[in-house]
Amino acid sequence: MFALNSEASFDARIPKRIARGADQLFLYSIKGGTTTIVDALVKVIENHQGQLHLNEFVTDIQIENNQINGVETNLGNFYPADIIVAS
């Protein structure tokens, strides 16, 4: 058996199925490509009434009373939010 990771016990801890239709073949390879993960994440966000804003980036995070209440983008848009996911 060929393993990409010399620590076989580490490979055993990596889940083989990370989402429906997204089987992990190796530590470095996902069936369907990384787009499968992105598509699954988009679906979860949209199913929970979340929104994705593409082709703009956050320039400021608005904080009030030690709570994040939204973000401002390079296009001057303000998006109020209870939860922000940043990467």
N, C-alpha and C. Protein backbone atom coordinates (compact mmCIF):
# COMPACT_ATOMS: atom_id res chain seq x y z
N MET A 1 0.84 -1.18 0.00
CA MET A 1 0.00 0.00 0.00
C MET A 1 0.88 1.24 0.00
N PHE A 2 0.55 2.20 -0.82
CA PHE A 2 1.30 3.44 -0.92
C PHE A 2 0.58 4.52 -0.12
N ALA A 3 1.30 5.22 0.73
CA ALA A 3 0.72 6.31 1.52
C ALA A 3 1.50 7.59 1.27
N LEU A 4 0.80 8.68 1.07
CA LEU A 4 1.46 9.96 0.86
C LEU A 4 2.02 10.51 2.16
N ASN A 5 1.40 10.14 3.26
CA ASN A 5 1.84 10.61 4.57
C ASN A 5 2.59 9.47 5.25
N SER A 6 3.78 9.74 5.73
CA SER A 6 4.58 8.69 6.36
C SER A 6 3.97 8.23 7.68
N GLU A 7 3.08 9.03 8.27
CA GLU A 7 2.43 8.64 9.51
C GLU A 7 1.07 8.04 9.17
N ALA A 8 1.02 6.72 9.06
CA ALA A 8 -0.21 6.04 8.63
C ALA A 8 -1.38 6.31 9.58
N SER A 9 -1.10 6.46 10.87
CA SER A 9 -2.19 6.70 11.82
C SER A 9 -2.85 8.05 11.54
N PHE A 10 -2.11 9.02 11.01
CA PHE A 10 -2.70 10.31 10.65
C PHE A 10 -3.69 10.13 9.52
N ASP A 11 -3.31 9.37 8.49
CA ASP A 11 -4.21 9.12 7.37
C ASP A 11 -5.50 8.46 7.84
N ALA A 12 -5.43 7.59 8.84
CA ALA A 12 -6.61 6.90 9.34
C ALA A 12 -7.57 7.87 10.03
N ARG A 13 -7.07 8.99 10.54
CA ARG A 13 -7.93 9.96 11.23
C ARG A 13 -8.63 10.91 10.27
N ILE A 14 -8.18 10.98 9.02
CA ILE A 14 -8.80 11.86 8.04
C ILE A 14 -10.10 11.21 7.57
N PRO A 15 -11.23 11.91 7.66
CA PRO A 15 -12.50 11.30 7.24
C PRO A 15 -12.49 10.94 5.76
N LYS A 16 -13.02 9.78 5.43
CA LYS A 16 -13.07 9.34 4.04
C LYS A 16 -14.22 10.00 3.30
N ARG A 17 -15.28 10.35 4.00
CA ARG A 17 -16.43 11.01 3.36
C ARG A 17 -16.64 12.32 4.09
N ILE A 18 -16.40 13.43 3.39
CA ILE A 18 -16.52 14.74 4.02
C ILE A 18 -17.84 15.41 3.70
N ALA A 19 -18.51 14.96 2.65
CA ALA A 19 -19.83 15.47 2.28
C ALA A 19 -20.40 14.53 1.23
N ARG A 20 -21.69 14.58 1.03
CA ARG A 20 -22.31 13.73 0.02
C ARG A 20 -21.66 13.99 -1.34
N GLY A 21 -21.15 12.96 -1.96
CA GLY A 21 -20.52 13.09 -3.27
C GLY A 21 -19.10 13.62 -3.22
N ALA A 22 -18.53 13.76 -2.03
CA ALA A 22 -17.18 14.30 -1.91
C ALA A 22 -16.31 13.33 -1.13
N ASP A 23 -16.01 12.20 -1.72
CA ASP A 23 -15.15 11.21 -1.07
C ASP A 23 -13.70 11.67 -1.15
N GLN A 24 -12.98 11.53 -0.05
CA GLN A 24 -11.57 11.88 -0.05
C GLN A 24 -10.77 10.66 -0.47
N LEU A 25 -10.01 10.78 -1.55
CA LEU A 25 -9.23 9.66 -2.05
C LEU A 25 -7.87 9.58 -1.37
N PHE A 26 -7.23 10.70 -1.20
CA PHE A 26 -5.94 10.80 -0.54
C PHE A 26 -5.98 12.05 0.31
N LEU A 27 -4.95 12.25 1.08
CA LEU A 27 -4.85 13.46 1.88
C LEU A 27 -4.88 14.70 0.98
N TYR A 28 -4.37 14.57 -0.25
CA TYR A 28 -4.23 15.72 -1.14
C TYR A 28 -5.22 15.73 -2.30
N SER A 29 -6.14 14.78 -2.36
CA SER A 29 -7.02 14.68 -3.51
C SER A 29 -8.46 14.45 -3.07
N ILE A 30 -9.38 15.19 -3.64
CA ILE A 30 -10.79 15.04 -3.33
C ILE A 30 -11.53 14.70 -4.62
N LYS A 31 -12.32 13.63 -4.57
CA LYS A 31 -13.09 13.21 -5.74
C LYS A 31 -13.99 14.36 -6.18
N GLY A 32 -13.89 14.74 -7.43
CA GLY A 32 -14.66 15.87 -7.94
C GLY A 32 -13.92 17.19 -7.82
N GLY A 33 -12.76 17.19 -7.19
CA GLY A 33 -11.95 18.40 -7.06
C GLY A 33 -12.42 19.29 -5.92
N THR A 34 -11.67 20.34 -5.67
CA THR A 34 -11.99 21.24 -4.56
C THR A 34 -13.28 22.01 -4.80
N THR A 35 -13.72 22.07 -6.04
CA THR A 35 -15.00 22.71 -6.34
C THR A 35 -16.13 22.02 -5.60
N THR A 36 -16.00 20.72 -5.37
CA THR A 36 -17.01 19.96 -4.64
C THR A 36 -17.20 20.53 -3.24
N ILE A 37 -16.10 20.88 -2.58
CA ILE A 37 -16.18 21.45 -1.24
C ILE A 37 -16.83 22.83 -1.29
N VAL A 38 -16.41 23.64 -2.24
CA VAL A 38 -16.98 24.98 -2.38
C VAL A 38 -18.47 24.90 -2.65
N ASP A 39 -18.88 24.03 -3.56
CA ASP A 39 -20.30 23.88 -3.88
C ASP A 39 -21.10 23.44 -2.65
N ALA A 40 -20.55 22.53 -1.86
CA ALA A 40 -21.23 22.07 -0.65
C ALA A 40 -21.36 23.21 0.36
N LEU A 41 -20.32 24.01 0.51
CA LEU A 41 -20.35 25.14 1.44
C LEU A 41 -21.38 26.17 1.00
N VAL A 42 -21.42 26.48 -0.29
CA VAL A 42 -22.40 27.43 -0.82
C VAL A 42 -23.82 26.93 -0.55
N LYS A 43 -24.05 25.65 -0.77
CA LYS A 43 -25.38 25.07 -0.55
C LYS A 43 -25.80 25.20 0.91
N VAL A 44 -24.90 24.91 1.83
CA VAL A 44 -25.21 25.01 3.27
C VAL A 44 -25.53 26.46 3.64
N ILE A 45 -24.71 27.39 3.16
CA ILE A 45 -24.93 28.81 3.47
C ILE A 45 -26.29 29.26 2.94
N GLU A 46 -26.59 28.95 1.68
CA GLU A 46 -27.85 29.38 1.09
C GLU A 46 -29.06 28.69 1.73
N ASN A 47 -28.92 27.42 2.13
CA ASN A 47 -30.01 26.71 2.79
C ASN A 47 -30.34 27.29 4.16
N HIS A 48 -29.40 28.04 4.72
CA HIS A 48 -29.62 28.68 6.02
C HIS A 48 -29.81 30.19 5.86
N GLN A 49 -30.31 30.60 4.71
CA GLN A 49 -30.61 31.99 4.38
C GLN A 49 -29.38 32.90 4.44
N GLY A 50 -28.21 32.32 4.27
CA GLY A 50 -26.99 33.11 4.20
C GLY A 50 -26.82 33.69 2.80
N GLN A 51 -25.94 34.66 2.69
CA GLN A 51 -25.68 35.30 1.40
C GLN A 51 -24.18 35.29 1.12
N LEU A 52 -23.86 35.14 -0.16
CA LEU A 52 -22.47 35.23 -0.60
C LEU A 52 -22.35 36.46 -1.49
N HIS A 53 -21.33 37.26 -1.26
CA HIS A 53 -21.10 38.45 -2.07
C HIS A 53 -19.75 38.26 -2.74
N LEU A 54 -19.77 38.12 -4.05
CA LEU A 54 -18.57 37.81 -4.81
C LEU A 54 -18.00 39.06 -5.48
N ASN A 55 -16.74 38.99 -5.84
CA ASN A 55 -16.04 40.05 -6.58
C ASN A 55 -15.95 41.37 -5.82
N GLU A 56 -15.91 41.29 -4.52
CA GLU A 56 -15.62 42.45 -3.68
C GLU A 56 -14.97 41.92 -2.40
N PHE A 57 -14.26 42.79 -1.72
CA PHE A 57 -13.59 42.33 -0.51
C PHE A 57 -13.86 43.28 0.64
N VAL A 58 -13.75 42.74 1.84
CA VAL A 58 -14.04 43.50 3.06
C VAL A 58 -12.93 44.50 3.32
N THR A 59 -13.33 45.75 3.54
CA THR A 59 -12.35 46.78 3.90
C THR A 59 -12.48 47.20 5.36
N ASP A 60 -13.65 46.91 5.96
CA ASP A 60 -13.86 47.29 7.36
C ASP A 60 -14.88 46.37 8.00
N ILE A 61 -14.62 45.98 9.22
CA ILE A 61 -15.57 45.20 10.01
C ILE A 61 -16.15 46.14 11.06
N GLN A 62 -17.46 46.31 11.04
CA GLN A 62 -18.13 47.22 11.97
C GLN A 62 -18.39 46.51 13.30
N ILE A 63 -17.96 47.13 14.38
CA ILE A 63 -18.13 46.56 15.72
C ILE A 63 -18.85 47.59 16.58
N GLU A 64 -19.87 47.12 17.29
CA GLU A 64 -20.62 47.98 18.20
C GLU A 64 -20.90 47.19 19.47
N ASN A 65 -20.57 47.76 20.61
CA ASN A 65 -20.74 47.09 21.91
C ASN A 65 -20.05 45.72 21.93
N ASN A 66 -18.83 45.67 21.40
CA ASN A 66 -18.04 44.44 21.34
C ASN A 66 -18.68 43.33 20.53
N GLN A 67 -19.59 43.67 19.62
CA GLN A 67 -20.24 42.70 18.75
C GLN A 67 -20.06 43.14 17.29
N ILE A 68 -19.74 42.19 16.43
CA ILE A 68 -19.67 42.50 15.00
C ILE A 68 -21.10 42.69 14.51
N ASN A 69 -21.34 43.79 13.79
CA ASN A 69 -22.69 44.00 13.27
C ASN A 69 -22.73 44.11 11.75
N GLY A 70 -21.59 43.97 11.08
CA GLY A 70 -21.58 43.99 9.63
C GLY A 70 -20.21 44.29 9.07
N VAL A 71 -20.15 44.30 7.74
CA VAL A 71 -18.89 44.59 7.05
C VAL A 71 -19.12 45.61 5.94
N GLU A 72 -18.08 46.37 5.65
CA GLU A 72 -18.09 47.30 4.53
C GLU A 72 -17.10 46.78 3.50
N THR A 73 -17.43 46.94 2.21
CA THR A 73 -16.58 46.40 1.16
C THR A 73 -15.90 47.50 0.35
N ASN A 74 -14.99 47.08 -0.51
CA ASN A 74 -14.26 48.02 -1.37
C ASN A 74 -15.19 48.75 -2.34
N LEU A 75 -16.39 48.23 -2.56
CA LEU A 75 -17.35 48.89 -3.45
C LEU A 75 -18.24 49.87 -2.68
N GLY A 76 -17.98 50.01 -1.37
CA GLY A 76 -18.76 50.92 -0.55
C GLY A 76 -20.05 50.31 -0.02
N ASN A 77 -20.27 49.03 -0.26
CA ASN A 77 -21.47 48.37 0.24
C ASN A 77 -21.31 48.01 1.71
N PHE A 78 -22.39 48.13 2.47
CA PHE A 78 -22.41 47.69 3.86
C PHE A 78 -23.38 46.54 3.97
N TYR A 79 -22.92 45.44 4.57
CA TYR A 79 -23.75 44.26 4.77
C TYR A 79 -23.88 43.99 6.26
N PRO A 80 -25.07 44.27 6.83
CA PRO A 80 -25.26 43.94 8.24
C PRO A 80 -25.26 42.42 8.39
N ALA A 81 -24.73 41.94 9.50
CA ALA A 81 -24.65 40.49 9.69
C ALA A 81 -24.55 40.14 11.16
N ASP A 82 -25.18 39.03 11.52
CA ASP A 82 -25.03 38.47 12.86
C ASP A 82 -23.81 37.57 12.92
N ILE A 83 -23.51 36.92 11.79
CA ILE A 83 -22.38 36.00 11.70
C ILE A 83 -21.58 36.33 10.44
N ILE A 84 -20.26 36.34 10.58
CA ILE A 84 -19.38 36.59 9.44
C ILE A 84 -18.39 35.44 9.36
N VAL A 85 -18.24 34.88 8.17
CA VAL A 85 -17.25 33.83 7.93
C VAL A 85 -16.16 34.44 7.07
N ALA A 86 -14.94 34.45 7.56
CA ALA A 86 -13.83 35.04 6.83
C ALA A 86 -12.79 33.98 6.55
N SER A 87 -12.15 34.09 5.39
CA SER A 87 -11.08 33.15 5.07
C SER A 87 -9.92 33.88 4.44
